[in-house]
Structure formats: C-alpha cells, structure tokens
Amino acid sequence: VGLIPDFGGLYFLQRAVGIARAKELCFTARKVDAAEALEIGLVSKVVPHDDLLAEARAVATQIAQNAPTAVAMAKTLLDKSEYASFDQMVEYEALAQTVAFVTPDYMEGVMAFREKRKPDFSGGPAQVDQSWR
C-alpha cells in the first residue's frame, strides 16, 4: 500500500531476524508462513489455530508459577541486553541478584527445594535489613 512498517516494527524485526533478513522481508514485502517464521526466529512456537488460546494460557501459567520479581528483573535485563555491553550486563545481573537474594521468593524457593516441594511464590518486595538506620 506504499507504506513502511511502523510502530517499532523495523526496530524489532531486525533484532528478531537480523538486518539482512529484515531488509529482504521489507523490500520484497513477501508473506512469511508460520513454518518459516519459526525457522527464522520471528516466533518461538507454532501451534494449530484451534490450540492457540489454550497454548497461550499454558505458557502464561508456566510463567506465573515462577517468582514474579525474578521474572520481572529477567525481562528488564533481557531488554537491556539488546544495547548493553557484556561488562554492563554482568554488572546489571550482579545488582539484580543482590535484590533477588533478599526477596521472600528466594527464601521460599530455597525452602521448597530443601523440602522437595513446589514453591509458592508471593512476589513480595525485597526485605532489606534497615537496622543500621
């Protein structure tokens, strides 16, 4: 229709499939089927249309079973990793880990591991000792 991909489409496309493939897809405007989208890394999974909602819910449930603070920090750091150097990422990870170590979810995870049971993560905030104040 004479327009270009917008709303960040170009930004995210080249990060997902690489600059050469992004150029090829944009310049040719050819359609990509589900199998090729999976092959080139545009999507992480392909399921039959009738299974889509159930699969999305299953993935959401799997994510929700993990420690919310850790998931949120991992998401933030993965987003930063697109433009941060290796050294910056190691520093970000170390800072995030110091927060994770003082969350109720960390202790719940350790106790659940020791007791050989599934953890029950609450997503509570980090508990920092402020007795020094």
N, C-alpha and C. Protein backbone atom coordinates (compact mmCIF):
# COMPACT_ATOMS: atom_id res chain seq x y z
N VAL A 1 0.82 -1.20 0.00
CA VAL A 1 0.00 0.00 0.00
C VAL A 1 0.86 1.26 0.00
N GLY A 2 2.16 1.11 -0.15
CA GLY A 2 3.04 2.26 -0.24
C GLY A 2 3.50 2.82 1.09
N LEU A 3 3.36 2.06 2.16
CA LEU A 3 3.81 2.50 3.47
C LEU A 3 4.95 1.60 3.96
N ILE A 4 5.56 2.00 5.04
CA ILE A 4 6.62 1.19 5.63
C ILE A 4 6.13 0.60 6.95
N PRO A 5 6.77 -0.45 7.44
CA PRO A 5 6.42 -0.96 8.77
C PRO A 5 6.64 0.15 9.80
N ASP A 6 5.72 0.27 10.74
CA ASP A 6 5.86 1.33 11.74
C ASP A 6 5.53 0.80 13.13
N PHE A 7 5.35 1.71 14.07
CA PHE A 7 5.10 1.36 15.47
C PHE A 7 6.22 0.48 16.03
N GLY A 8 7.44 0.75 15.60
CA GLY A 8 8.58 -0.02 16.09
C GLY A 8 8.82 -1.31 15.34
N GLY A 9 8.05 -1.56 14.30
CA GLY A 9 8.19 -2.81 13.55
C GLY A 9 9.58 -3.02 12.99
N LEU A 10 10.17 -1.98 12.41
CA LEU A 10 11.52 -2.11 11.85
C LEU A 10 12.54 -2.35 12.96
N TYR A 11 12.38 -1.66 14.05
CA TYR A 11 13.29 -1.80 15.19
C TYR A 11 13.31 -3.24 15.69
N PHE A 12 12.12 -3.80 15.91
CA PHE A 12 12.04 -5.15 16.46
C PHE A 12 12.31 -6.23 15.43
N LEU A 13 11.91 -6.01 14.18
CA LEU A 13 12.12 -7.02 13.15
C LEU A 13 13.60 -7.33 12.96
N GLN A 14 14.42 -6.31 12.82
CA GLN A 14 15.85 -6.58 12.58
C GLN A 14 16.52 -7.20 13.79
N ARG A 15 16.00 -6.94 14.98
CA ARG A 15 16.55 -7.60 16.17
C ARG A 15 16.14 -9.06 16.24
N ALA A 16 14.96 -9.36 15.71
CA ALA A 16 14.47 -10.74 15.74
C ALA A 16 15.10 -11.62 14.67
N VAL A 17 15.26 -11.08 13.47
CA VAL A 17 15.69 -11.93 12.35
C VAL A 17 17.02 -11.51 11.74
N GLY A 18 17.62 -10.43 12.22
CA GLY A 18 18.87 -9.95 11.64
C GLY A 18 18.60 -8.91 10.57
N ILE A 19 19.58 -8.06 10.34
CA ILE A 19 19.40 -6.94 9.42
C ILE A 19 19.21 -7.40 7.98
N ALA A 20 19.96 -8.41 7.54
CA ALA A 20 19.85 -8.86 6.15
C ALA A 20 18.46 -9.43 5.87
N ARG A 21 17.97 -10.28 6.75
CA ARG A 21 16.65 -10.88 6.54
C ARG A 21 15.56 -9.81 6.67
N ALA A 22 15.71 -8.88 7.61
CA ALA A 22 14.73 -7.81 7.77
C ALA A 22 14.64 -6.98 6.49
N LYS A 23 15.78 -6.66 5.91
CA LYS A 23 15.77 -5.90 4.64
C LYS A 23 15.07 -6.69 3.55
N GLU A 24 15.40 -7.96 3.45
CA GLU A 24 14.78 -8.80 2.41
C GLU A 24 13.26 -8.84 2.59
N LEU A 25 12.80 -9.02 3.80
CA LEU A 25 11.35 -9.08 4.05
C LEU A 25 10.68 -7.74 3.77
N CYS A 26 11.29 -6.65 4.18
CA CYS A 26 10.70 -5.32 3.96
C CYS A 26 10.73 -4.91 2.50
N PHE A 27 11.84 -5.16 1.82
CA PHE A 27 11.98 -4.71 0.44
C PHE A 27 11.13 -5.53 -0.52
N THR A 28 10.93 -6.81 -0.22
CA THR A 28 10.14 -7.66 -1.11
C THR A 28 8.67 -7.71 -0.70
N ALA A 29 8.37 -7.42 0.55
CA ALA A 29 7.01 -7.46 1.09
C ALA A 29 6.37 -8.84 0.93
N ARG A 30 7.21 -9.86 0.87
CA ARG A 30 6.64 -11.21 0.72
C ARG A 30 6.08 -11.69 2.05
N LYS A 31 5.08 -12.54 1.94
CA LYS A 31 4.46 -13.10 3.14
C LYS A 31 5.32 -14.23 3.69
N VAL A 32 5.29 -14.38 4.99
CA VAL A 32 6.03 -15.43 5.68
C VAL A 32 5.00 -16.33 6.36
N ASP A 33 5.06 -17.63 6.05
CA ASP A 33 4.12 -18.55 6.71
C ASP A 33 4.65 -18.92 8.09
N ALA A 34 3.84 -19.63 8.84
CA ALA A 34 4.18 -19.96 10.23
C ALA A 34 5.46 -20.78 10.33
N ALA A 35 5.64 -21.74 9.43
CA ALA A 35 6.84 -22.59 9.49
C ALA A 35 8.10 -21.76 9.28
N GLU A 36 8.08 -20.85 8.31
CA GLU A 36 9.26 -20.02 8.07
C GLU A 36 9.46 -19.04 9.23
N ALA A 37 8.38 -18.48 9.76
CA ALA A 37 8.50 -17.56 10.89
C ALA A 37 9.20 -18.24 12.06
N LEU A 38 8.88 -19.50 12.28
CA LEU A 38 9.55 -20.27 13.33
C LEU A 38 11.01 -20.51 12.98
N GLU A 39 11.26 -20.88 11.75
CA GLU A 39 12.63 -21.18 11.29
C GLU A 39 13.56 -19.98 11.41
N ILE A 40 13.07 -18.78 11.11
CA ILE A 40 13.94 -17.59 11.12
C ILE A 40 13.95 -16.86 12.46
N GLY A 41 13.22 -17.38 13.43
CA GLY A 41 13.25 -16.78 14.76
C GLY A 41 12.27 -15.63 14.97
N LEU A 42 11.32 -15.49 14.07
CA LEU A 42 10.33 -14.43 14.22
C LEU A 42 9.32 -14.77 15.30
N VAL A 43 9.07 -16.06 15.49
CA VAL A 43 8.20 -16.55 16.56
C VAL A 43 8.93 -17.68 17.27
N SER A 44 8.53 -17.98 18.50
CA SER A 44 9.21 -19.03 19.26
C SER A 44 8.47 -20.36 19.22
N LYS A 45 7.23 -20.34 18.76
CA LYS A 45 6.44 -21.57 18.74
C LYS A 45 5.30 -21.40 17.74
N VAL A 46 4.93 -22.51 17.10
CA VAL A 46 3.79 -22.52 16.18
C VAL A 46 2.84 -23.61 16.65
N VAL A 47 1.57 -23.26 16.77
CA VAL A 47 0.55 -24.23 17.18
C VAL A 47 -0.65 -24.10 16.24
N PRO A 48 -1.44 -25.15 16.13
CA PRO A 48 -2.66 -25.05 15.32
C PRO A 48 -3.57 -23.93 15.86
N HIS A 49 -4.28 -23.27 14.96
CA HIS A 49 -5.13 -22.15 15.34
C HIS A 49 -6.09 -22.50 16.48
N ASP A 50 -6.68 -23.67 16.40
CA ASP A 50 -7.65 -24.08 17.43
C ASP A 50 -7.01 -24.25 18.81
N ASP A 51 -5.69 -24.42 18.86
CA ASP A 51 -4.98 -24.62 20.13
C ASP A 51 -4.33 -23.34 20.65
N LEU A 52 -4.46 -22.25 19.90
CA LEU A 52 -3.71 -21.04 20.23
C LEU A 52 -4.03 -20.49 21.62
N LEU A 53 -5.29 -20.32 21.95
CA LEU A 53 -5.64 -19.76 23.25
C LEU A 53 -5.20 -20.67 24.39
N ALA A 54 -5.42 -21.96 24.24
CA ALA A 54 -5.00 -22.91 25.29
C ALA A 54 -3.49 -22.89 25.47
N GLU A 55 -2.75 -22.82 24.37
CA GLU A 55 -1.29 -22.78 24.45
C GLU A 55 -0.82 -21.48 25.10
N ALA A 56 -1.43 -20.36 24.74
CA ALA A 56 -1.06 -19.07 25.35
C ALA A 56 -1.32 -19.10 26.85
N ARG A 57 -2.43 -19.68 27.24
CA ARG A 57 -2.74 -19.79 28.68
C ARG A 57 -1.75 -20.72 29.38
N ALA A 58 -1.35 -21.78 28.72
CA ALA A 58 -0.39 -22.72 29.31
C ALA A 58 0.96 -22.03 29.54
N VAL A 59 1.40 -21.25 28.56
CA VAL A 59 2.67 -20.52 28.71
C VAL A 59 2.54 -19.49 29.83
N ALA A 60 1.43 -18.76 29.86
CA ALA A 60 1.21 -17.76 30.91
C ALA A 60 1.20 -18.42 32.29
N THR A 61 0.57 -19.57 32.40
CA THR A 61 0.53 -20.30 33.67
C THR A 61 1.93 -20.73 34.08
N GLN A 62 2.71 -21.20 33.13
CA GLN A 62 4.08 -21.62 33.42
C GLN A 62 4.91 -20.45 33.91
N ILE A 63 4.76 -19.29 33.28
CA ILE A 63 5.49 -18.09 33.71
C ILE A 63 5.03 -17.69 35.11
N ALA A 64 3.72 -17.72 35.34
CA ALA A 64 3.15 -17.29 36.62
C ALA A 64 3.57 -18.17 37.79
N GLN A 65 4.03 -19.38 37.51
CA GLN A 65 4.48 -20.27 38.58
C GLN A 65 5.88 -19.92 39.09
N ASN A 66 6.55 -19.00 38.43
CA ASN A 66 7.89 -18.59 38.84
C ASN A 66 7.82 -17.35 39.72
N ALA A 67 8.92 -17.02 40.35
CA ALA A 67 8.99 -15.87 41.24
C ALA A 67 8.77 -14.58 40.44
N PRO A 68 7.70 -13.83 40.72
CA PRO A 68 7.38 -12.65 39.93
C PRO A 68 8.49 -11.61 39.87
N THR A 69 9.15 -11.35 40.98
CA THR A 69 10.21 -10.35 40.97
C THR A 69 11.37 -10.80 40.10
N ALA A 70 11.73 -12.06 40.18
CA ALA A 70 12.83 -12.59 39.36
C ALA A 70 12.46 -12.56 37.88
N VAL A 71 11.22 -12.91 37.55
CA VAL A 71 10.77 -12.87 36.16
C VAL A 71 10.82 -11.43 35.64
N ALA A 72 10.33 -10.49 36.43
CA ALA A 72 10.33 -9.09 36.02
C ALA A 72 11.75 -8.56 35.82
N MET A 73 12.65 -8.92 36.73
CA MET A 73 14.03 -8.46 36.58
C MET A 73 14.69 -9.10 35.37
N ALA A 74 14.43 -10.38 35.13
CA ALA A 74 15.00 -11.04 33.95
C ALA A 74 14.49 -10.39 32.68
N LYS A 75 13.21 -10.04 32.63
CA LYS A 75 12.64 -9.37 31.46
C LYS A 75 13.33 -8.03 31.23
N THR A 76 13.48 -7.25 32.29
CA THR A 76 14.15 -5.96 32.18
C THR A 76 15.58 -6.11 31.68
N LEU A 77 16.31 -7.07 32.24
CA LEU A 77 17.70 -7.25 31.85
C LEU A 77 17.81 -7.78 30.42
N LEU A 78 16.91 -8.66 30.01
CA LEU A 78 16.93 -9.12 28.62
C LEU A 78 16.68 -7.96 27.67
N ASP A 79 15.76 -7.06 28.03
CA ASP A 79 15.52 -5.88 27.20
C ASP A 79 16.77 -5.01 27.13
N LYS A 80 17.45 -4.83 28.25
CA LYS A 80 18.68 -4.03 28.27
C LYS A 80 19.80 -4.68 27.46
N SER A 81 19.80 -6.00 27.40
CA SER A 81 20.90 -6.71 26.74
C SER A 81 21.01 -6.41 25.26
N GLU A 82 19.95 -5.85 24.68
CA GLU A 82 20.00 -5.52 23.26
C GLU A 82 21.00 -4.41 22.96
N TYR A 83 21.22 -3.53 23.92
CA TYR A 83 22.11 -2.41 23.65
C TYR A 83 23.24 -2.25 24.68
N ALA A 84 23.29 -3.10 25.68
CA ALA A 84 24.34 -3.01 26.70
C ALA A 84 25.54 -3.87 26.30
N SER A 85 26.69 -3.49 26.80
CA SER A 85 27.89 -4.30 26.58
C SER A 85 27.87 -5.50 27.52
N PHE A 86 28.75 -6.45 27.26
CA PHE A 86 28.86 -7.62 28.14
C PHE A 86 29.18 -7.18 29.56
N ASP A 87 30.14 -6.28 29.71
CA ASP A 87 30.53 -5.83 31.05
C ASP A 87 29.36 -5.15 31.77
N GLN A 88 28.59 -4.35 31.04
CA GLN A 88 27.42 -3.71 31.64
C GLN A 88 26.40 -4.76 32.08
N MET A 89 26.19 -5.77 31.25
CA MET A 89 25.21 -6.80 31.59
C MET A 89 25.62 -7.58 32.83
N VAL A 90 26.90 -7.90 32.95
CA VAL A 90 27.37 -8.61 34.14
C VAL A 90 27.13 -7.75 35.38
N GLU A 91 27.34 -6.45 35.26
CA GLU A 91 27.09 -5.55 36.39
C GLU A 91 25.59 -5.48 36.71
N TYR A 92 24.76 -5.34 35.69
CA TYR A 92 23.30 -5.31 35.90
C TYR A 92 22.83 -6.60 36.57
N GLU A 93 23.35 -7.73 36.10
CA GLU A 93 22.96 -9.02 36.67
C GLU A 93 23.35 -9.11 38.14
N ALA A 94 24.54 -8.64 38.46
CA ALA A 94 25.00 -8.69 39.85
C ALA A 94 24.12 -7.83 40.74
N LEU A 95 23.75 -6.65 40.26
CA LEU A 95 22.87 -5.77 41.04
C LEU A 95 21.49 -6.40 41.22
N ALA A 96 20.95 -6.97 40.15
CA ALA A 96 19.63 -7.61 40.23
C ALA A 96 19.68 -8.81 41.18
N GLN A 97 20.77 -9.54 41.14
CA GLN A 97 20.88 -10.72 42.00
C GLN A 97 20.91 -10.32 43.48
N THR A 98 21.53 -9.18 43.79
CA THR A 98 21.54 -8.74 45.18
C THR A 98 20.13 -8.42 45.66
N VAL A 99 19.29 -7.93 44.77
CA VAL A 99 17.88 -7.70 45.12
C VAL A 99 17.16 -9.04 45.27
N ALA A 100 17.37 -9.94 44.32
CA ALA A 100 16.69 -11.24 44.34
C ALA A 100 17.01 -12.02 45.62
N PHE A 101 18.24 -11.90 46.09
CA PHE A 101 18.66 -12.64 47.29
C PHE A 101 17.91 -12.22 48.54
N VAL A 102 17.29 -11.05 48.54
CA VAL A 102 16.60 -10.59 49.74
C VAL A 102 15.08 -10.55 49.56
N THR A 103 14.57 -11.28 48.58
CA THR A 103 13.12 -11.36 48.40
C THR A 103 12.57 -12.57 49.16
N PRO A 104 11.33 -12.48 49.60
CA PRO A 104 10.70 -13.64 50.22
C PRO A 104 10.66 -14.83 49.26
N ASP A 105 10.56 -14.55 47.97
CA ASP A 105 10.50 -15.63 46.99
C ASP A 105 11.80 -16.44 46.94
N TYR A 106 12.93 -15.79 47.15
CA TYR A 106 14.19 -16.53 47.18
C TYR A 106 14.17 -17.53 48.34
N MET A 107 13.78 -17.05 49.51
CA MET A 107 13.74 -17.96 50.67
C MET A 107 12.72 -19.07 50.45
N GLU A 108 11.58 -18.74 49.86
CA GLU A 108 10.57 -19.76 49.57
C GLU A 108 11.13 -20.79 48.59
N GLY A 109 11.86 -20.33 47.59
CA GLY A 109 12.46 -21.25 46.63
C GLY A 109 13.47 -22.18 47.27
N VAL A 110 14.29 -21.65 48.16
CA VAL A 110 15.28 -22.47 48.86
C VAL A 110 14.58 -23.49 49.75
N MET A 111 13.58 -23.04 50.50
CA MET A 111 12.87 -23.96 51.40
C MET A 111 12.13 -25.04 50.61
N ALA A 112 11.51 -24.66 49.51
CA ALA A 112 10.79 -25.64 48.68
C ALA A 112 11.76 -26.67 48.12
N PHE A 113 12.94 -26.22 47.71
CA PHE A 113 13.95 -27.13 47.19
C PHE A 113 14.36 -28.12 48.28
N ARG A 114 14.63 -27.60 49.46
CA ARG A 114 15.05 -28.46 50.57
C ARG A 114 13.96 -29.46 50.97
N GLU A 115 12.71 -28.99 50.91
CA GLU A 115 11.58 -29.84 51.31
C GLU A 115 11.02 -30.67 50.16
N LYS A 116 11.67 -30.56 49.00
CA LYS A 116 11.25 -31.32 47.81
C LYS A 116 9.77 -31.11 47.47
N ARG A 117 9.39 -29.83 47.41
CA ARG A 117 8.02 -29.48 47.04
C ARG A 117 8.05 -28.32 46.06
N LYS A 118 6.92 -28.04 45.46
CA LYS A 118 6.83 -26.90 44.55
C LYS A 118 6.78 -25.62 45.37
N PRO A 119 7.49 -24.58 44.94
CA PRO A 119 7.45 -23.32 45.68
C PRO A 119 6.12 -22.60 45.48
N ASP A 120 5.75 -21.80 46.45
CA ASP A 120 4.56 -20.97 46.38
C ASP A 120 5.03 -19.52 46.44
N PHE A 121 5.33 -18.95 45.28
CA PHE A 121 5.90 -17.61 45.22
C PHE A 121 4.82 -16.55 45.42
N SER A 122 5.13 -15.55 46.23
CA SER A 122 4.18 -14.48 46.53
C SER A 122 4.46 -13.20 45.74
N GLY A 123 5.71 -13.04 45.31
CA GLY A 123 6.08 -11.81 44.62
C GLY A 123 6.26 -10.65 45.56
N GLY A 124 6.46 -10.94 46.84
CA GLY A 124 6.65 -9.87 47.82
C GLY A 124 7.91 -9.07 47.56
N PRO A 125 7.96 -7.85 48.08
CA PRO A 125 9.13 -6.99 47.86
C PRO A 125 10.35 -7.49 48.62
N ALA A 126 11.50 -7.02 48.18
CA ALA A 126 12.75 -7.37 48.84
C ALA A 126 12.72 -6.91 50.29
N GLN A 127 13.25 -7.74 51.15
CA GLN A 127 13.30 -7.43 52.58
C GLN A 127 14.73 -7.03 52.91
N VAL A 128 14.96 -5.75 53.01
CA VAL A 128 16.30 -5.23 53.26
C VAL A 128 16.43 -4.87 54.74
N ASP A 129 17.48 -5.36 55.37
CA ASP A 129 17.74 -5.05 56.77
C ASP A 129 18.08 -3.57 56.89
N GLN A 130 17.25 -2.85 57.61
CA GLN A 130 17.49 -1.42 57.79
C GLN A 130 17.82 -1.09 59.24
N SER A 131 18.30 -2.08 59.98
CA SER A 131 18.63 -1.86 61.39
C SER A 131 19.78 -0.87 61.55
N TRP A 132 20.53 -0.64 60.52
CA TRP A 132 21.65 0.29 60.58
C TRP A 132 21.18 1.73 60.69
N ARG A 133 19.92 2.00 60.37
CA ARG A 133 19.42 3.38 60.35
C ARG A 133 19.35 3.99 61.71
